[in-house]
Amino acid sequence: MRSKYHNIRVGKSASKREAKRKIALEQMERDGEISDLRCQVPFELIPVQREPDTIGPRGGVRKGKVIAHSCKYVADFVYTQNGEMVVEDSKGFRTEGYGIKKKLMLWRYGIRIKET
């Protein structure tokens, strides 16, 4: 069965493009151009939304029921280059959801996503 965007998984990577970029970044890390390379790093954009907490019959606090789950953006790669944190995404196809999450990353964390 083909994936929604016709990408082909390569190992743990979501696409050939992402797998190639990971190899290139790993080489850059070995060469000392970047450091602290991490893959598939989640960023919480909007926290979970709950009903108000209540006091239970024995006096303990009961967390409110979840109304809406949190919204997260998972970066393909995060690394440090020249003392700056870089958040990178290997994009073959831009979804509507990605555009919104990109704006939320800038608003919430002041991070501009580098697209490759």
Protein backbone atom coordinates (compact mmCIF):
# COMPACT_ATOMS: atom_id res chain seq x y z
CA MET A 1 0.00 0.00 0.00
CA ARG A 2 1.33 3.44 -0.92
CA SER A 3 1.62 6.21 1.63
CA LYS A 4 -0.60 9.29 1.51
CA TYR A 5 2.10 11.44 -0.13
CA HIS A 6 3.73 8.59 -2.11
CA ASN A 7 6.95 8.73 -0.10
CA ILE A 8 9.06 5.61 0.32
CA ARG A 9 10.24 4.81 3.85
CA VAL A 10 13.97 4.22 4.17
CA GLY A 11 14.82 2.55 7.48
CA LYS A 12 13.45 4.78 10.24
CA SER A 13 13.28 7.81 7.94
CA ALA A 14 9.96 8.87 6.47
CA SER A 15 11.37 9.36 2.96
CA LYS A 16 14.42 9.04 0.73
CA ARG A 17 14.96 12.80 1.01
CA GLU A 18 15.00 12.63 4.81
CA ALA A 19 17.36 9.61 4.79
CA LYS A 20 19.83 11.42 2.48
CA ARG A 21 19.72 14.53 4.62
CA LYS A 22 20.34 12.49 7.79
CA ILE A 23 23.47 10.95 6.23
CA ALA A 24 24.72 14.41 5.21
CA LEU A 25 24.08 15.85 8.69
CA GLU A 26 25.80 12.90 10.38
CA GLN A 27 28.87 13.57 8.19
CA MET A 28 28.74 17.27 9.07
CA GLU A 29 28.66 16.31 12.77
CA ARG A 30 31.70 14.01 12.33
CA ASP A 31 33.51 16.87 10.54
CA GLY A 32 32.71 19.25 13.42
CA GLU A 33 30.52 21.60 11.36
CA ILE A 34 27.48 20.91 13.59
CA SER A 35 26.92 19.31 17.00
CA ASP A 36 24.18 17.74 19.11
CA LEU A 37 22.29 16.25 16.13
CA ARG A 38 18.90 14.85 17.14
CA CYS A 39 16.17 13.31 15.00
CA GLN A 40 12.37 13.41 15.34
CA VAL A 41 12.29 16.03 18.10
CA PRO A 42 8.79 16.96 19.36
CA PHE A 43 7.79 20.55 20.20
CA GLU A 44 4.50 21.21 22.00
CA LEU A 45 2.71 24.04 20.21
CA ILE A 46 -0.60 24.04 22.08
CA PRO A 47 -0.96 22.29 25.46
CA VAL A 48 -3.74 19.83 26.28
CA GLN A 49 -7.08 21.53 27.00
CA ARG A 50 -9.03 20.22 30.02
CA GLU A 51 -12.20 20.90 31.95
CA PRO A 52 -11.52 22.53 35.35
CA ASP A 53 -10.05 20.31 38.08
CA THR A 54 -12.47 19.18 40.81
CA ILE A 55 -12.11 18.14 44.43
CA GLY A 56 -12.83 14.45 44.98
CA PRO A 57 -14.94 13.01 47.84
CA ARG A 58 -11.82 12.44 49.98
CA GLY A 59 -10.40 15.88 49.32
CA GLY A 60 -7.95 14.98 46.55
CA VAL A 61 -7.74 16.94 43.32
CA ARG A 62 -9.13 15.24 40.21
CA LYS A 63 -7.77 16.46 36.92
CA GLY A 64 -10.44 17.70 34.56
CA LYS A 65 -11.52 15.64 31.55
CA VAL A 66 -9.48 16.18 28.40
CA ILE A 67 -11.41 18.35 25.93
CA ALA A 68 -8.69 18.58 23.27
CA HIS A 69 -5.30 16.88 23.06
CA SER A 70 -2.11 18.87 22.68
CA CYS A 71 -0.84 19.93 19.26
CA LYS A 72 2.79 19.03 18.52
CA TYR A 73 5.26 19.61 15.73
CA VAL A 74 7.90 16.90 15.25
CA ALA A 75 11.06 18.29 13.67
CA ASP A 76 12.99 15.95 11.40
CA PHE A 77 16.32 17.27 12.70
CA VAL A 78 17.55 19.60 15.44
CA TYR A 79 21.22 20.50 15.78
CA THR A 80 23.59 23.25 16.85
CA GLN A 81 25.52 25.22 14.23
CA ASN A 82 27.74 28.20 15.12
CA GLY A 83 26.20 28.28 18.61
CA GLU A 84 22.64 28.53 17.27
CA MET A 85 19.93 25.86 17.45
CA VAL A 86 18.69 24.87 13.98
CA VAL A 87 15.33 23.14 13.46
CA GLU A 88 15.16 21.49 10.06
CA ASP A 89 12.42 19.72 8.11
CA SER A 90 12.88 17.69 4.92
CA LYS A 91 9.87 18.70 2.88
CA GLY A 92 8.75 17.04 -0.31
CA PHE A 93 5.17 18.21 0.05
CA ARG A 94 3.77 21.03 2.18
CA THR A 95 0.53 20.18 3.93
CA GLU A 96 -1.92 22.75 5.23
CA GLY A 97 -1.23 21.56 8.78
CA TYR A 98 2.52 22.09 8.32
CA GLY A 99 1.99 25.73 7.33
CA ILE A 100 0.07 26.40 10.52
CA LYS A 101 2.59 24.52 12.69
CA LYS A 102 5.45 26.47 11.08
CA LYS A 103 3.77 29.74 12.11
CA LEU A 104 3.09 28.41 15.61
CA MET A 105 6.78 27.44 16.00
CA LEU A 106 7.77 31.03 15.18
CA TRP A 107 5.13 32.49 17.50
CA ARG A 108 5.66 30.14 20.47
CA TYR A 109 9.43 29.55 20.36
CA GLY A 110 10.76 32.22 17.99
CA ILE A 111 12.13 29.42 15.78
CA ARG A 112 12.14 29.58 11.99
CA ILE A 113 12.09 26.10 10.49
CA LYS A 114 14.77 25.50 7.88
CA GLU A 115 13.32 23.52 4.97
CA THR A 116 15.48 21.25 2.85
